[in-house]
Amino acid sequence: MSSTAGYDKSELNYPVIMAIVIGIAVFFAAVFVIVPIAFQAGFDQKLIQLEKMMPTRQLDALRLQESEVLTRFEWKSKANKTVYIPIDVAMDAVIDDYHGY
């Protein structure tokens, strides 16, 4: 019986192991670095296109108009005594009413 019986006599194939390690590193680099950067670049391009489609002055004017409507008190019907009120005031009134019970 030989003294090396039961042992694997083959040597490690270092080029194959290095190729596998490099392949895994490239895969993780692609998944966690390159792909997110590519998606972000595409998202940024779409934002730029949207900004070009809607001029800033028009958007600012629209937002100002919406803000004025949503933050003012206004009669809906004086005869029925109903009013429009800002949403934050309405939520506070509901909460105060709830705590009153």
N, C-alpha and C. Protein backbone atom coordinates (compact mmCIF):
# COMPACT_ATOMS: atom_id res chain seq x y z
N MET A 1 0.82 -1.17 0.00
CA MET A 1 0.00 0.00 0.00
C MET A 1 0.87 1.24 0.00
N SER A 2 0.46 2.20 -0.77
CA SER A 2 1.28 3.39 -0.86
C SER A 2 0.95 4.34 0.27
N SER A 3 1.90 5.20 0.60
CA SER A 3 1.71 6.13 1.71
C SER A 3 0.77 7.27 1.36
N THR A 4 0.46 7.48 0.09
CA THR A 4 -0.42 8.58 -0.32
C THR A 4 -1.82 8.09 -0.65
N ALA A 5 -2.12 6.88 -0.32
CA ALA A 5 -3.45 6.35 -0.64
C ALA A 5 -4.50 7.12 0.14
N GLY A 6 -5.60 7.45 -0.52
CA GLY A 6 -6.69 8.17 0.13
C GLY A 6 -6.60 9.69 0.02
N TYR A 7 -5.50 10.19 -0.55
CA TYR A 7 -5.33 11.63 -0.70
C TYR A 7 -5.49 12.02 -2.15
N ASP A 8 -6.00 13.26 -2.37
CA ASP A 8 -6.13 13.78 -3.73
C ASP A 8 -4.76 14.26 -4.19
N LYS A 9 -4.29 13.70 -5.27
CA LYS A 9 -2.95 14.03 -5.76
C LYS A 9 -2.96 15.22 -6.72
N SER A 10 -4.14 15.66 -7.14
CA SER A 10 -4.18 16.73 -8.13
C SER A 10 -3.86 18.07 -7.46
N GLU A 11 -3.28 18.94 -8.23
CA GLU A 11 -2.96 20.27 -7.75
C GLU A 11 -4.13 21.20 -8.07
N LEU A 12 -4.21 22.28 -7.32
CA LEU A 12 -5.23 23.28 -7.61
C LEU A 12 -4.92 23.95 -8.94
N ASN A 13 -5.93 24.17 -9.71
CA ASN A 13 -5.77 24.82 -11.01
C ASN A 13 -5.97 26.32 -10.80
N TYR A 14 -4.88 27.03 -10.47
CA TYR A 14 -4.96 28.45 -10.11
C TYR A 14 -5.52 29.33 -11.22
N PRO A 15 -5.20 29.13 -12.47
CA PRO A 15 -5.80 29.98 -13.52
C PRO A 15 -7.33 29.85 -13.56
N VAL A 16 -7.84 28.66 -13.35
CA VAL A 16 -9.30 28.48 -13.36
C VAL A 16 -9.91 29.16 -12.14
N ILE A 17 -9.28 29.02 -10.99
CA ILE A 17 -9.79 29.65 -9.77
C ILE A 17 -9.77 31.17 -9.92
N MET A 18 -8.71 31.73 -10.46
CA MET A 18 -8.63 33.18 -10.66
C MET A 18 -9.69 33.65 -11.66
N ALA A 19 -9.92 32.87 -12.70
CA ALA A 19 -10.95 33.24 -13.68
C ALA A 19 -12.32 33.26 -13.02
N ILE A 20 -12.60 32.31 -12.15
CA ILE A 20 -13.88 32.28 -11.44
C ILE A 20 -14.01 33.48 -10.52
N VAL A 21 -12.95 33.79 -9.75
CA VAL A 21 -12.98 34.93 -8.83
C VAL A 21 -13.17 36.23 -9.61
N ILE A 22 -12.44 36.39 -10.70
CA ILE A 22 -12.59 37.61 -11.51
C ILE A 22 -13.99 37.68 -12.12
N GLY A 23 -14.53 36.56 -12.56
CA GLY A 23 -15.89 36.53 -13.10
C GLY A 23 -16.91 36.95 -12.06
N ILE A 24 -16.76 36.46 -10.84
CA ILE A 24 -17.69 36.84 -9.76
C ILE A 24 -17.56 38.33 -9.46
N ALA A 25 -16.32 38.85 -9.42
CA ALA A 25 -16.10 40.27 -9.16
C ALA A 25 -16.73 41.13 -10.25
N VAL A 26 -16.57 40.72 -11.50
CA VAL A 26 -17.16 41.47 -12.61
C VAL A 26 -18.69 41.43 -12.52
N PHE A 27 -19.24 40.28 -12.18
CA PHE A 27 -20.69 40.17 -12.04
C PHE A 27 -21.22 41.12 -10.97
N PHE A 28 -20.59 41.12 -9.79
CA PHE A 28 -21.05 42.01 -8.72
C PHE A 28 -20.85 43.47 -9.07
N ALA A 29 -19.76 43.79 -9.76
CA ALA A 29 -19.55 45.17 -10.19
C ALA A 29 -20.65 45.59 -11.15
N ALA A 30 -21.03 44.71 -12.05
CA ALA A 30 -22.09 45.04 -13.01
C ALA A 30 -23.42 45.22 -12.30
N VAL A 31 -23.72 44.33 -11.40
CA VAL A 31 -25.03 44.37 -10.74
C VAL A 31 -25.15 45.55 -9.79
N PHE A 32 -24.13 45.80 -8.99
CA PHE A 32 -24.24 46.79 -7.94
C PHE A 32 -23.65 48.15 -8.27
N VAL A 33 -22.93 48.28 -9.37
CA VAL A 33 -22.33 49.57 -9.71
C VAL A 33 -22.80 50.05 -11.08
N ILE A 34 -22.57 49.27 -12.10
CA ILE A 34 -22.83 49.72 -13.47
C ILE A 34 -24.32 49.83 -13.76
N VAL A 35 -25.10 48.83 -13.38
CA VAL A 35 -26.53 48.86 -13.68
C VAL A 35 -27.23 50.03 -12.98
N PRO A 36 -27.01 50.27 -11.66
CA PRO A 36 -27.65 51.44 -11.05
C PRO A 36 -27.24 52.76 -11.69
N ILE A 37 -25.97 52.88 -12.08
CA ILE A 37 -25.52 54.11 -12.74
C ILE A 37 -26.24 54.28 -14.07
N ALA A 38 -26.42 53.21 -14.81
CA ALA A 38 -27.12 53.29 -16.10
C ALA A 38 -28.57 53.69 -15.90
N PHE A 39 -29.23 53.11 -14.91
CA PHE A 39 -30.63 53.47 -14.65
C PHE A 39 -30.74 54.93 -14.21
N GLN A 40 -29.83 55.40 -13.36
CA GLN A 40 -29.86 56.78 -12.91
C GLN A 40 -29.66 57.73 -14.08
N ALA A 41 -28.76 57.40 -14.98
CA ALA A 41 -28.52 58.24 -16.15
C ALA A 41 -29.79 58.34 -17.00
N GLY A 42 -30.48 57.22 -17.19
CA GLY A 42 -31.72 57.24 -17.95
C GLY A 42 -32.79 58.05 -17.26
N PHE A 43 -32.87 57.95 -15.93
CA PHE A 43 -33.85 58.71 -15.16
C PHE A 43 -33.57 60.20 -15.26
N ASP A 44 -32.28 60.57 -15.18
CA ASP A 44 -31.90 61.97 -15.30
C ASP A 44 -32.27 62.53 -16.67
N GLN A 45 -32.09 61.73 -17.72
CA GLN A 45 -32.45 62.18 -19.06
C GLN A 45 -33.95 62.43 -19.17
N LYS A 46 -34.76 61.57 -18.55
CA LYS A 46 -36.21 61.77 -18.59
C LYS A 46 -36.60 63.02 -17.83
N LEU A 47 -35.95 63.30 -16.70
CA LEU A 47 -36.23 64.53 -15.96
C LEU A 47 -35.89 65.75 -16.79
N ILE A 48 -34.78 65.71 -17.49
CA ILE A 48 -34.39 66.84 -18.33
C ILE A 48 -35.43 67.05 -19.43
N GLN A 49 -35.92 65.97 -20.02
CA GLN A 49 -36.94 66.09 -21.06
C GLN A 49 -38.23 66.68 -20.49
N LEU A 50 -38.63 66.25 -19.31
CA LEU A 50 -39.84 66.80 -18.69
C LEU A 50 -39.69 68.28 -18.38
N GLU A 51 -38.52 68.67 -17.89
CA GLU A 51 -38.29 70.08 -17.59
C GLU A 51 -38.35 70.93 -18.86
N LYS A 52 -37.87 70.39 -19.97
CA LYS A 52 -37.93 71.12 -21.23
C LYS A 52 -39.36 71.26 -21.73
N MET A 53 -40.19 70.26 -21.44
CA MET A 53 -41.56 70.27 -21.93
C MET A 53 -42.43 71.28 -21.17
N MET A 54 -42.16 71.49 -19.88
CA MET A 54 -42.97 72.41 -19.11
C MET A 54 -42.11 73.59 -18.66
N PRO A 55 -42.35 74.74 -19.21
CA PRO A 55 -41.56 75.92 -18.84
C PRO A 55 -41.69 76.23 -17.35
N THR A 56 -40.64 76.71 -16.77
CA THR A 56 -40.59 76.97 -15.33
C THR A 56 -41.59 78.04 -14.92
N ARG A 57 -41.74 79.09 -15.70
CA ARG A 57 -42.67 80.17 -15.32
C ARG A 57 -44.10 79.65 -15.22
N GLN A 58 -44.49 78.83 -16.17
CA GLN A 58 -45.85 78.29 -16.14
C GLN A 58 -46.03 77.38 -14.93
N LEU A 59 -45.05 76.57 -14.65
CA LEU A 59 -45.13 75.66 -13.52
C LEU A 59 -45.17 76.44 -12.21
N ASP A 60 -44.34 77.46 -12.08
CA ASP A 60 -44.35 78.28 -10.87
C ASP A 60 -45.69 78.98 -10.69
N ALA A 61 -46.25 79.49 -11.78
CA ALA A 61 -47.54 80.16 -11.69
C ALA A 61 -48.64 79.18 -11.29
N LEU A 62 -48.59 77.98 -11.84
CA LEU A 62 -49.58 76.95 -11.49
C LEU A 62 -49.47 76.58 -10.02
N ARG A 63 -48.26 76.39 -9.53
CA ARG A 63 -48.07 76.03 -8.12
C ARG A 63 -48.50 77.16 -7.20
N LEU A 64 -48.25 78.40 -7.57
CA LEU A 64 -48.68 79.53 -6.77
C LEU A 64 -50.21 79.60 -6.71
N GLN A 65 -50.85 79.39 -7.85
CA GLN A 65 -52.30 79.40 -7.90
C GLN A 65 -52.89 78.27 -7.04
N GLU A 66 -52.32 77.07 -7.14
CA GLU A 66 -52.79 75.96 -6.32
C GLU A 66 -52.60 76.24 -4.84
N SER A 67 -51.46 76.80 -4.49
CA SER A 67 -51.19 77.12 -3.10
C SER A 67 -52.19 78.13 -2.55
N GLU A 68 -52.51 79.13 -3.34
CA GLU A 68 -53.48 80.13 -2.90
C GLU A 68 -54.85 79.51 -2.68
N VAL A 69 -55.25 78.63 -3.58
CA VAL A 69 -56.56 78.00 -3.46
C VAL A 69 -56.61 77.08 -2.24
N LEU A 70 -55.53 76.35 -2.00
CA LEU A 70 -55.53 75.35 -0.93
C LEU A 70 -55.29 75.94 0.46
N THR A 71 -54.88 77.20 0.54
CA THR A 71 -54.58 77.77 1.86
C THR A 71 -55.51 78.90 2.27
N ARG A 72 -56.58 79.14 1.53
CA ARG A 72 -57.46 80.25 1.89
C ARG A 72 -58.80 79.75 2.41
N PHE A 73 -59.41 80.61 3.18
CA PHE A 73 -60.78 80.37 3.65
C PHE A 73 -61.72 81.06 2.67
N GLU A 74 -62.77 80.37 2.30
CA GLU A 74 -63.69 80.94 1.31
C GLU A 74 -65.09 80.36 1.53
N TRP A 75 -66.09 81.21 1.31
CA TRP A 75 -67.46 80.73 1.42
C TRP A 75 -67.78 79.82 0.23
N LYS A 76 -68.34 78.65 0.52
CA LYS A 76 -68.89 77.81 -0.54
C LYS A 76 -70.33 78.24 -0.78
N SER A 77 -71.05 78.40 0.33
CA SER A 77 -72.43 78.86 0.25
C SER A 77 -72.77 79.56 1.56
N LYS A 78 -72.99 80.88 1.49
CA LYS A 78 -73.34 81.62 2.70
C LYS A 78 -74.71 81.21 3.21
N ALA A 79 -75.61 80.90 2.28
CA ALA A 79 -76.97 80.51 2.68
C ALA A 79 -76.94 79.22 3.50
N ASN A 80 -76.12 78.27 3.10
CA ASN A 80 -76.02 77.00 3.82
C ASN A 80 -74.96 77.03 4.92
N LYS A 81 -74.26 78.16 5.02
CA LYS A 81 -73.18 78.34 6.00
C LYS A 81 -72.11 77.25 5.85
N THR A 82 -71.68 77.04 4.61
CA THR A 82 -70.58 76.09 4.35
C THR A 82 -69.40 76.86 3.77
N VAL A 83 -68.19 76.44 4.18
CA VAL A 83 -67.00 77.14 3.76
C VAL A 83 -65.94 76.15 3.28
N TYR A 84 -65.03 76.65 2.48
CA TYR A 84 -63.82 75.92 2.12
C TYR A 84 -62.76 76.34 3.13
N ILE A 85 -62.06 75.37 3.70
CA ILE A 85 -60.98 75.68 4.63
C ILE A 85 -59.74 74.87 4.23
N PRO A 86 -58.56 75.35 4.61
CA PRO A 86 -57.34 74.61 4.28
C PRO A 86 -57.35 73.22 4.93
N ILE A 87 -56.73 72.26 4.26
CA ILE A 87 -56.77 70.88 4.72
C ILE A 87 -56.13 70.70 6.09
N ASP A 88 -55.04 71.44 6.38
CA ASP A 88 -54.42 71.28 7.69
C ASP A 88 -55.32 71.79 8.81
N VAL A 89 -56.07 72.85 8.54
CA VAL A 89 -57.03 73.35 9.53
C VAL A 89 -58.16 72.34 9.72
N ALA A 90 -58.61 71.75 8.61
CA ALA A 90 -59.68 70.75 8.69
C ALA A 90 -59.22 69.53 9.48
N MET A 91 -58.00 69.07 9.25
CA MET A 91 -57.49 67.91 9.99
C MET A 91 -57.37 68.22 11.48
N ASP A 92 -56.88 69.42 11.81
CA ASP A 92 -56.79 69.80 13.22
C ASP A 92 -58.17 69.85 13.87
N ALA A 93 -59.17 70.35 13.14
CA ALA A 93 -60.53 70.41 13.68
C ALA A 93 -61.09 69.01 13.92
N VAL A 94 -60.82 68.09 13.01
CA VAL A 94 -61.29 66.71 13.18
C VAL A 94 -60.61 66.06 14.37
N ILE A 95 -59.31 66.29 14.53
CA ILE A 95 -58.59 65.72 15.65
C ILE A 95 -59.08 66.30 16.97
N ASP A 96 -59.28 67.63 17.00
CA ASP A 96 -59.81 68.26 18.21
C ASP A 96 -61.19 67.72 18.54
N ASP A 97 -62.02 67.54 17.52
CA ASP A 97 -63.37 67.01 17.73
C ASP A 97 -63.30 65.57 18.25
N TYR A 98 -62.35 64.79 17.72
CA TYR A 98 -62.19 63.40 18.15
C TYR A 98 -61.76 63.34 19.61
N HIS A 99 -60.83 64.21 19.98
CA HIS A 99 -60.35 64.22 21.38
C HIS A 99 -61.42 64.72 22.34
N GLY A 100 -62.42 65.40 21.82
CA GLY A 100 -63.51 65.91 22.67
C GLY A 100 -64.44 64.81 23.16
N TYR A 101 -64.44 63.66 22.51
CA TYR A 101 -65.34 62.58 22.91
C TYR A 101 -64.79 61.78 24.05
